Amino acid sequence: MGVANLFALPGYRDFYSALSQLQGLTHVSRLGVGAQTAAVNLGMIFRGSYYHLLASYDGGELSKYGPGAAHMHHLLQYAIEQRCRAFDFTIGDERYKQEWCDSHIVLFDHIAPVTLRGCFLAAQLYAVGRAKHFIKQNPALWAKAYKVRAAIGPLMQRLRG
């Protein structure tokens, strides 16, 4: 996807590994096609809600069969079997969340600069945030941005490394 590997960042792999070991709270699942992993998920169940924390699917040949959607059906079935009253996709405005949800909670960013330099940074953060939101809400723009990000992502990683 052209984004940094979450698990390459210091402490992230250890954190999620420890989280996945919490008995009774976490749910780790895998959708397999033969020996190949088609989709994976890390979720948590707490106070009657299933929290969909991390998910991924094979972006190769299997992707044309919709492994992410197939796995989501299994996750919802699992949450129902566990008597969860809610399935929380957690933060983010990814389009698939809108397709699966019947309600949403609006979240807001609050930026309060206290210096002149902070005002310039706040304006920049606001502009970038609005642009990202606009692109993600427009399917045609998001498809193009996704392709651009996927193309330049490896280049950026080489420059950083």
N, C-alpha and C. Protein backbone atom coordinates (compact mmCIF):
# COMPACT_ATOMS: atom_id res chain seq x y z
N MET A 1 0.81 -1.21 0.00
CA MET A 1 0.00 0.00 0.00
C MET A 1 0.85 1.26 0.00
N GLY A 2 2.15 1.12 0.12
CA GLY A 2 3.00 2.30 0.13
C GLY A 2 3.11 2.97 1.48
N VAL A 3 2.68 2.32 2.52
CA VAL A 3 2.81 2.87 3.87
C VAL A 3 3.92 2.12 4.60
N ALA A 4 4.44 2.76 5.63
CA ALA A 4 5.51 2.14 6.41
C ALA A 4 4.99 0.88 7.10
N ASN A 5 5.87 -0.09 7.27
CA ASN A 5 5.55 -1.32 7.98
C ASN A 5 5.36 -1.00 9.46
N LEU A 6 4.16 -1.13 9.93
CA LEU A 6 3.83 -0.83 11.32
C LEU A 6 4.73 -1.58 12.28
N PHE A 7 5.05 -2.83 11.96
CA PHE A 7 5.82 -3.67 12.87
C PHE A 7 7.32 -3.41 12.81
N ALA A 8 7.75 -2.54 11.91
CA ALA A 8 9.16 -2.18 11.85
C ALA A 8 9.48 -1.05 12.83
N LEU A 9 8.46 -0.38 13.32
CA LEU A 9 8.66 0.73 14.26
C LEU A 9 9.03 0.17 15.64
N PRO A 10 9.90 0.84 16.37
CA PRO A 10 10.35 0.34 17.67
C PRO A 10 9.20 0.09 18.64
N GLY A 11 9.15 -1.11 19.20
CA GLY A 11 8.18 -1.46 20.22
C GLY A 11 6.83 -1.96 19.72
N TYR A 12 6.49 -1.70 18.48
CA TYR A 12 5.17 -2.06 17.97
C TYR A 12 4.98 -3.58 17.91
N ARG A 13 5.96 -4.28 17.36
CA ARG A 13 5.85 -5.74 17.26
C ARG A 13 5.68 -6.34 18.65
N ASP A 14 6.50 -5.90 19.61
CA ASP A 14 6.41 -6.43 20.97
C ASP A 14 5.06 -6.11 21.60
N PHE A 15 4.56 -4.89 21.38
CA PHE A 15 3.27 -4.49 21.95
C PHE A 15 2.15 -5.39 21.43
N TYR A 16 2.05 -5.52 20.11
CA TYR A 16 0.96 -6.32 19.54
C TYR A 16 1.13 -7.80 19.83
N SER A 17 2.35 -8.28 19.94
CA SER A 17 2.58 -9.67 20.31
C SER A 17 2.08 -9.92 21.73
N ALA A 18 2.42 -9.01 22.64
CA ALA A 18 1.95 -9.15 24.02
C ALA A 18 0.43 -9.04 24.09
N LEU A 19 -0.14 -8.11 23.31
CA LEU A 19 -1.59 -7.93 23.29
C LEU A 19 -2.28 -9.20 22.81
N SER A 20 -1.72 -9.85 21.82
CA SER A 20 -2.35 -11.05 21.26
C SER A 20 -2.34 -12.22 22.24
N GLN A 21 -1.54 -12.14 23.28
CA GLN A 21 -1.43 -13.22 24.26
C GLN A 21 -2.41 -13.08 25.43
N LEU A 22 -3.13 -11.98 25.49
CA LEU A 22 -4.05 -11.76 26.62
C LEU A 22 -5.26 -12.70 26.50
N GLN A 23 -5.26 -13.72 27.30
CA GLN A 23 -6.34 -14.71 27.28
C GLN A 23 -7.66 -14.08 27.70
N GLY A 24 -8.71 -14.40 26.96
CA GLY A 24 -10.04 -13.92 27.32
C GLY A 24 -10.36 -12.53 26.80
N LEU A 25 -9.38 -11.78 26.34
CA LEU A 25 -9.63 -10.44 25.81
C LEU A 25 -9.41 -10.36 24.30
N THR A 26 -8.40 -11.07 23.82
CA THR A 26 -8.04 -10.92 22.41
C THR A 26 -8.55 -12.09 21.57
N HIS A 27 -8.76 -11.78 20.32
CA HIS A 27 -9.20 -12.77 19.33
C HIS A 27 -8.29 -12.62 18.11
N VAL A 28 -7.50 -13.64 17.85
CA VAL A 28 -6.62 -13.65 16.69
C VAL A 28 -7.20 -14.68 15.73
N SER A 29 -7.39 -14.28 14.47
CA SER A 29 -7.97 -15.22 13.51
C SER A 29 -7.27 -15.12 12.16
N ARG A 30 -7.42 -16.19 11.41
CA ARG A 30 -6.79 -16.32 10.10
C ARG A 30 -7.77 -17.02 9.17
N LEU A 31 -7.92 -16.49 7.97
CA LEU A 31 -8.68 -17.15 6.94
C LEU A 31 -7.67 -17.72 5.96
N GLY A 32 -7.66 -19.04 5.82
CA GLY A 32 -6.69 -19.69 4.96
C GLY A 32 -7.33 -20.27 3.72
N VAL A 33 -6.57 -20.30 2.66
CA VAL A 33 -6.94 -20.99 1.43
C VAL A 33 -5.82 -22.00 1.22
N GLY A 34 -6.09 -23.24 1.60
CA GLY A 34 -5.02 -24.22 1.63
C GLY A 34 -4.00 -23.79 2.66
N ALA A 35 -2.75 -23.80 2.28
CA ALA A 35 -1.69 -23.39 3.21
C ALA A 35 -1.46 -21.88 3.18
N GLN A 36 -2.08 -21.18 2.23
CA GLN A 36 -1.86 -19.74 2.07
C GLN A 36 -2.79 -18.94 2.98
N THR A 37 -2.26 -17.91 3.64
CA THR A 37 -3.06 -17.02 4.46
C THR A 37 -3.71 -15.98 3.55
N ALA A 38 -5.04 -15.94 3.59
CA ALA A 38 -5.79 -14.99 2.76
C ALA A 38 -6.12 -13.72 3.52
N ALA A 39 -6.40 -13.84 4.82
CA ALA A 39 -6.74 -12.67 5.64
C ALA A 39 -6.44 -12.99 7.10
N VAL A 40 -6.11 -11.95 7.86
CA VAL A 40 -5.82 -12.09 9.29
C VAL A 40 -6.48 -10.94 10.06
N ASN A 41 -6.65 -11.17 11.36
CA ASN A 41 -7.29 -10.16 12.20
C ASN A 41 -6.82 -10.28 13.64
N LEU A 42 -6.70 -9.14 14.30
CA LEU A 42 -6.50 -9.08 15.74
C LEU A 42 -7.62 -8.21 16.28
N GLY A 43 -8.44 -8.79 17.14
CA GLY A 43 -9.54 -8.06 17.74
C GLY A 43 -9.54 -8.27 19.24
N MET A 44 -10.37 -7.51 19.91
CA MET A 44 -10.53 -7.65 21.36
C MET A 44 -12.02 -7.64 21.69
N ILE A 45 -12.37 -8.38 22.72
CA ILE A 45 -13.73 -8.37 23.22
C ILE A 45 -13.68 -7.81 24.64
N PHE A 46 -14.47 -6.77 24.85
CA PHE A 46 -14.50 -6.13 26.16
C PHE A 46 -15.88 -5.55 26.39
N ARG A 47 -16.48 -5.91 27.52
CA ARG A 47 -17.78 -5.38 27.92
C ARG A 47 -18.83 -5.45 26.82
N GLY A 48 -18.91 -6.60 26.17
CA GLY A 48 -19.96 -6.83 25.19
C GLY A 48 -19.72 -6.22 23.82
N SER A 49 -18.51 -5.74 23.56
CA SER A 49 -18.19 -5.19 22.24
C SER A 49 -16.98 -5.90 21.65
N TYR A 50 -17.02 -6.09 20.35
CA TYR A 50 -15.87 -6.64 19.63
C TYR A 50 -15.16 -5.44 19.00
N TYR A 51 -13.86 -5.30 19.27
CA TYR A 51 -13.07 -4.19 18.73
C TYR A 51 -12.14 -4.74 17.65
N HIS A 52 -12.35 -4.29 16.44
CA HIS A 52 -11.61 -4.72 15.26
C HIS A 52 -10.34 -3.85 15.18
N LEU A 53 -9.22 -4.36 15.69
CA LEU A 53 -8.02 -3.54 15.84
C LEU A 53 -7.11 -3.56 14.62
N LEU A 54 -6.69 -4.73 14.20
CA LEU A 54 -5.77 -4.86 13.07
C LEU A 54 -6.31 -5.91 12.12
N ALA A 55 -6.28 -5.62 10.84
CA ALA A 55 -6.72 -6.60 9.85
C ALA A 55 -5.91 -6.40 8.59
N SER A 56 -5.72 -7.48 7.88
CA SER A 56 -5.04 -7.41 6.60
C SER A 56 -5.48 -8.59 5.74
N TYR A 57 -5.26 -8.45 4.46
CA TYR A 57 -5.59 -9.55 3.55
C TYR A 57 -4.53 -9.61 2.47
N ASP A 58 -4.46 -10.75 1.82
CA ASP A 58 -3.49 -10.96 0.75
C ASP A 58 -3.86 -10.07 -0.43
N GLY A 59 -2.93 -9.25 -0.85
CA GLY A 59 -3.19 -8.33 -1.96
C GLY A 59 -2.83 -8.92 -3.31
N GLY A 60 -2.41 -10.17 -3.34
CA GLY A 60 -2.00 -10.80 -4.59
C GLY A 60 -3.16 -11.43 -5.33
N GLU A 61 -2.91 -12.60 -5.87
CA GLU A 61 -3.89 -13.32 -6.69
C GLU A 61 -5.20 -13.57 -5.95
N LEU A 62 -5.13 -13.84 -4.66
CA LEU A 62 -6.34 -14.13 -3.89
C LEU A 62 -7.24 -12.91 -3.70
N SER A 63 -6.71 -11.72 -3.87
CA SER A 63 -7.49 -10.52 -3.57
C SER A 63 -8.74 -10.40 -4.45
N LYS A 64 -8.71 -10.96 -5.64
CA LYS A 64 -9.88 -10.85 -6.52
C LYS A 64 -11.08 -11.64 -6.00
N TYR A 65 -10.85 -12.51 -5.01
CA TYR A 65 -11.94 -13.29 -4.43
C TYR A 65 -12.51 -12.67 -3.16
N GLY A 66 -12.00 -11.53 -2.77
CA GLY A 66 -12.52 -10.81 -1.61
C GLY A 66 -12.25 -11.47 -0.28
N PRO A 67 -10.99 -11.82 0.01
CA PRO A 67 -10.71 -12.49 1.29
C PRO A 67 -11.01 -11.63 2.50
N GLY A 68 -10.85 -10.31 2.38
CA GLY A 68 -11.16 -9.42 3.50
C GLY A 68 -12.64 -9.46 3.85
N ALA A 69 -13.50 -9.42 2.83
CA ALA A 69 -14.94 -9.47 3.05
C ALA A 69 -15.36 -10.84 3.59
N ALA A 70 -14.79 -11.89 3.05
CA ALA A 70 -15.11 -13.24 3.53
C ALA A 70 -14.72 -13.38 5.00
N HIS A 71 -13.55 -12.88 5.35
CA HIS A 71 -13.10 -12.97 6.73
C HIS A 71 -13.99 -12.13 7.64
N MET A 72 -14.42 -10.97 7.15
CA MET A 72 -15.30 -10.10 7.95
C MET A 72 -16.60 -10.82 8.30
N HIS A 73 -17.15 -11.60 7.38
CA HIS A 73 -18.36 -12.39 7.67
C HIS A 73 -18.10 -13.33 8.84
N HIS A 74 -16.94 -13.98 8.84
CA HIS A 74 -16.59 -14.89 9.92
C HIS A 74 -16.42 -14.14 11.24
N LEU A 75 -15.81 -12.96 11.18
CA LEU A 75 -15.61 -12.17 12.40
C LEU A 75 -16.94 -11.73 13.01
N LEU A 76 -17.85 -11.29 12.16
CA LEU A 76 -19.17 -10.88 12.66
C LEU A 76 -19.91 -12.07 13.26
N GLN A 77 -19.81 -13.23 12.60
CA GLN A 77 -20.43 -14.43 13.14
C GLN A 77 -19.83 -14.77 14.50
N TYR A 78 -18.51 -14.68 14.62
CA TYR A 78 -17.84 -14.96 15.88
C TYR A 78 -18.32 -14.00 16.97
N ALA A 79 -18.40 -12.71 16.63
CA ALA A 79 -18.84 -11.71 17.62
C ALA A 79 -20.27 -12.00 18.08
N ILE A 80 -21.13 -12.40 17.17
CA ILE A 80 -22.50 -12.74 17.54
C ILE A 80 -22.52 -13.97 18.45
N GLU A 81 -21.71 -14.97 18.10
CA GLU A 81 -21.63 -16.18 18.94
C GLU A 81 -21.12 -15.86 20.35
N GLN A 82 -20.29 -14.83 20.46
CA GLN A 82 -19.76 -14.41 21.77
C GLN A 82 -20.72 -13.48 22.49
N ARG A 83 -21.89 -13.27 21.91
CA ARG A 83 -22.94 -12.42 22.47
C ARG A 83 -22.54 -10.95 22.58
N CYS A 84 -21.71 -10.52 21.64
CA CYS A 84 -21.34 -9.10 21.60
C CYS A 84 -22.53 -8.29 21.12
N ARG A 85 -22.75 -7.16 21.74
CA ARG A 85 -23.86 -6.27 21.37
C ARG A 85 -23.44 -5.25 20.31
N ALA A 86 -22.11 -5.06 20.16
CA ALA A 86 -21.61 -4.08 19.19
C ALA A 86 -20.34 -4.61 18.54
N PHE A 87 -20.13 -4.21 17.31
CA PHE A 87 -18.91 -4.51 16.59
C PHE A 87 -18.30 -3.16 16.23
N ASP A 88 -17.19 -2.83 16.86
CA ASP A 88 -16.56 -1.52 16.73
C ASP A 88 -15.36 -1.61 15.79
N PHE A 89 -15.43 -0.91 14.67
CA PHE A 89 -14.33 -0.91 13.71
C PHE A 89 -13.18 0.00 14.14
N THR A 90 -13.33 0.68 15.24
CA THR A 90 -12.35 1.62 15.81
C THR A 90 -12.12 2.79 14.87
N ILE A 91 -11.16 3.62 15.22
CA ILE A 91 -10.94 4.89 14.54
C ILE A 91 -10.51 4.70 13.08
N GLY A 92 -10.89 5.65 12.25
CA GLY A 92 -10.50 5.64 10.85
C GLY A 92 -11.70 5.79 9.95
N ASP A 93 -11.48 6.40 8.80
CA ASP A 93 -12.59 6.63 7.88
C ASP A 93 -12.42 5.84 6.59
N GLU A 94 -11.89 4.62 6.72
CA GLU A 94 -11.74 3.77 5.54
C GLU A 94 -13.12 3.43 4.97
N ARG A 95 -13.19 3.35 3.66
CA ARG A 95 -14.47 3.17 2.98
C ARG A 95 -15.16 1.86 3.39
N TYR A 96 -14.39 0.79 3.62
CA TYR A 96 -15.03 -0.48 3.96
C TYR A 96 -15.83 -0.37 5.26
N LYS A 97 -15.41 0.50 6.16
CA LYS A 97 -16.14 0.66 7.41
C LYS A 97 -17.53 1.23 7.16
N GLN A 98 -17.62 2.14 6.21
CA GLN A 98 -18.92 2.72 5.87
C GLN A 98 -19.84 1.67 5.25
N GLU A 99 -19.25 0.71 4.53
CA GLU A 99 -20.04 -0.33 3.88
C GLU A 99 -20.61 -1.33 4.89
N TRP A 100 -19.92 -1.52 6.01
CA TRP A 100 -20.33 -2.53 6.99
C TRP A 100 -21.12 -1.95 8.16
N CYS A 101 -21.08 -0.66 8.36
CA CYS A 101 -21.67 -0.07 9.57
C CYS A 101 -23.04 0.52 9.32
N ASP A 102 -23.85 0.50 10.37
CA ASP A 102 -25.15 1.17 10.30
C ASP A 102 -25.18 2.42 11.15
N SER A 103 -24.08 2.73 11.82
CA SER A 103 -23.97 3.98 12.57
C SER A 103 -22.49 4.35 12.67
N HIS A 104 -22.26 5.59 13.05
CA HIS A 104 -20.88 6.04 13.23
C HIS A 104 -20.83 7.13 14.30
N ILE A 105 -19.66 7.27 14.86
CA ILE A 105 -19.42 8.31 15.86
C ILE A 105 -18.45 9.30 15.23
N VAL A 106 -18.83 10.55 15.19
CA VAL A 106 -17.98 11.57 14.60
C VAL A 106 -16.90 11.95 15.61
N LEU A 107 -15.66 11.89 15.18
CA LEU A 107 -14.53 12.29 16.01
C LEU A 107 -13.97 13.61 15.49
N PHE A 108 -13.38 14.38 16.37
CA PHE A 108 -12.86 15.68 15.99
C PHE A 108 -11.41 15.80 16.43
N ASP A 109 -10.63 16.52 15.65
CA ASP A 109 -9.27 16.89 16.06
C ASP A 109 -9.35 18.28 16.68
N HIS A 110 -8.60 18.47 17.73
CA HIS A 110 -8.56 19.78 18.36
C HIS A 110 -7.10 20.23 18.39
N ILE A 111 -6.84 21.35 17.77
CA ILE A 111 -5.49 21.92 17.74
C ILE A 111 -5.60 23.32 18.31
N ALA A 112 -4.81 23.59 19.34
CA ALA A 112 -4.85 24.89 20.01
C ALA A 112 -3.44 25.45 20.13
N PRO A 113 -3.00 26.19 19.11
CA PRO A 113 -1.64 26.74 19.18
C PRO A 113 -1.54 27.84 20.23
N VAL A 114 -0.38 27.95 20.83
CA VAL A 114 -0.17 28.98 21.85
C VAL A 114 0.96 29.92 21.49
N THR A 115 1.64 29.67 20.37
CA THR A 115 2.71 30.55 19.90
C THR A 115 2.46 30.87 18.43
N LEU A 116 3.18 31.85 17.92
CA LEU A 116 3.07 32.20 16.51
C LEU A 116 3.50 31.03 15.63
N ARG A 117 4.59 30.39 16.02
CA ARG A 117 5.05 29.21 15.27
C ARG A 117 3.97 28.12 15.30
N GLY A 118 3.33 27.95 16.44
CA GLY A 118 2.26 26.98 16.58
C GLY A 118 1.09 27.27 15.67
N CYS A 119 0.81 28.56 15.45
CA CYS A 119 -0.28 28.94 14.54
C CYS A 119 0.00 28.47 13.12
N PHE A 120 1.25 28.63 12.68
CA PHE A 120 1.62 28.18 11.33
C PHE A 120 1.54 26.65 11.24
N LEU A 121 2.01 25.96 12.26
CA LEU A 121 1.94 24.50 12.27
C LEU A 121 0.49 24.02 12.32
N ALA A 122 -0.34 24.70 13.11
CA ALA A 122 -1.74 24.34 13.22
C ALA A 122 -2.45 24.50 11.87
N ALA A 123 -2.16 25.60 11.17
CA ALA A 123 -2.76 25.82 9.86
C ALA A 123 -2.34 24.72 8.89
N GLN A 124 -1.07 24.34 8.95
CA GLN A 124 -0.58 23.27 8.07
C GLN A 124 -1.26 21.94 8.41
N LEU A 125 -1.34 21.60 9.69
CA LEU A 125 -2.00 20.36 10.09
C LEU A 125 -3.47 20.34 9.67
N TYR A 126 -4.13 21.46 9.83
CA TYR A 126 -5.53 21.56 9.45
C TYR A 126 -5.69 21.34 7.94
N ALA A 127 -4.86 22.00 7.14
CA ALA A 127 -4.96 21.89 5.69
C ALA A 127 -4.69 20.46 5.22
N VAL A 128 -3.67 19.83 5.76
CA VAL A 128 -3.34 18.46 5.38
C VAL A 128 -4.47 17.52 5.80
N GLY A 129 -5.00 17.70 6.99
CA GLY A 129 -6.10 16.86 7.47
C GLY A 129 -7.34 16.96 6.61
N ARG A 130 -7.69 18.18 6.22
CA ARG A 130 -8.87 18.38 5.37
C ARG A 130 -8.64 17.76 3.99
N ALA A 131 -7.44 17.92 3.44
CA ALA A 131 -7.13 17.35 2.13
C ALA A 131 -7.22 15.82 2.18
N LYS A 132 -6.66 15.22 3.22
CA LYS A 132 -6.72 13.76 3.36
C LYS A 132 -8.16 13.29 3.46
N HIS A 133 -8.94 13.97 4.27
CA HIS A 133 -10.35 13.59 4.43
C HIS A 133 -11.09 13.69 3.10
N PHE A 134 -10.87 14.77 2.38
CA PHE A 134 -11.54 14.97 1.09
C PHE A 134 -11.18 13.85 0.12
N ILE A 135 -9.90 13.51 0.05
CA ILE A 135 -9.44 12.46 -0.87
C ILE A 135 -10.03 11.11 -0.48
N LYS A 136 -10.03 10.80 0.81
CA LYS A 136 -10.54 9.50 1.24
C LYS A 136 -12.05 9.36 1.03
N GLN A 137 -12.77 10.47 0.99
CA GLN A 137 -14.22 10.41 0.80
C GLN A 137 -14.62 10.39 -0.67
N ASN A 138 -13.67 10.58 -1.56
CA ASN A 138 -13.94 10.58 -3.00
C ASN A 138 -13.33 9.31 -3.60
N PRO A 139 -14.14 8.32 -3.98
CA PRO A 139 -13.60 7.05 -4.45
C PRO A 139 -12.61 7.17 -5.61
N ALA A 140 -12.87 8.07 -6.56
CA ALA A 140 -11.96 8.21 -7.70
C ALA A 140 -10.62 8.80 -7.25
N LEU A 141 -10.66 9.83 -6.42
CA LEU A 141 -9.42 10.42 -5.92
C LEU A 141 -8.66 9.44 -5.03
N TRP A 142 -9.39 8.69 -4.19
CA TRP A 142 -8.75 7.74 -3.29
C TRP A 142 -8.06 6.63 -4.08
N ALA A 143 -8.68 6.17 -5.14
CA ALA A 143 -8.06 5.12 -5.97
C ALA A 143 -6.74 5.62 -6.57
N LYS A 144 -6.74 6.87 -7.03
CA LYS A 144 -5.51 7.45 -7.60
C LYS A 144 -4.45 7.67 -6.51
N ALA A 145 -4.86 8.20 -5.38
CA ALA A 145 -3.92 8.45 -4.27
C ALA A 145 -3.34 7.13 -3.77
N TYR A 146 -4.15 6.10 -3.73
CA TYR A 146 -3.71 4.78 -3.30
C TYR A 146 -2.61 4.26 -4.22
N LYS A 147 -2.82 4.42 -5.53
CA LYS A 147 -1.82 3.97 -6.51
C LYS A 147 -0.52 4.78 -6.41
N VAL A 148 -0.66 6.08 -6.23
CA VAL A 148 0.53 6.94 -6.10
C VAL A 148 1.29 6.57 -4.84
N ARG A 149 0.58 6.40 -3.74
CA ARG A 149 1.22 6.05 -2.47
C ARG A 149 1.92 4.70 -2.58
N ALA A 150 1.28 3.74 -3.25
CA ALA A 150 1.89 2.42 -3.42
C ALA A 150 3.14 2.49 -4.28
N ALA A 151 3.16 3.42 -5.25
CA ALA A 151 4.32 3.55 -6.13
C ALA A 151 5.48 4.25 -5.44
N ILE A 152 5.20 5.29 -4.67
CA ILE A 152 6.30 6.04 -4.06
C ILE A 152 6.72 5.51 -2.69
N GLY A 153 5.87 4.68 -2.07
CA GLY A 153 6.18 4.14 -0.75
C GLY A 153 7.53 3.43 -0.69
N PRO A 154 7.80 2.48 -1.59
CA PRO A 154 9.10 1.80 -1.56
C PRO A 154 10.28 2.76 -1.77
N LEU A 155 10.08 3.78 -2.58
CA LEU A 155 11.14 4.77 -2.80
C LEU A 155 11.44 5.54 -1.51
N MET A 156 10.38 5.92 -0.80
CA MET A 156 10.55 6.66 0.45
C MET A 156 11.24 5.78 1.51
N GLN A 157 10.90 4.51 1.53
CA GLN A 157 11.52 3.60 2.49
C GLN A 157 13.02 3.44 2.20
N ARG A 158 13.39 3.42 0.92
CA ARG A 158 14.82 3.33 0.57
C ARG A 158 15.56 4.59 0.98
N LEU A 159 14.90 5.74 0.83
CA LEU A 159 15.53 7.00 1.21
C LEU A 159 15.74 7.08 2.72
N ARG A 160 14.76 6.57 3.49
CA ARG A 160 14.87 6.58 4.95
C ARG A 160 15.89 5.58 5.44
N GLY A 161 16.00 4.43 4.74
CA GLY A 161 16.86 3.34 5.21
C GLY A 161 18.25 3.49 4.76
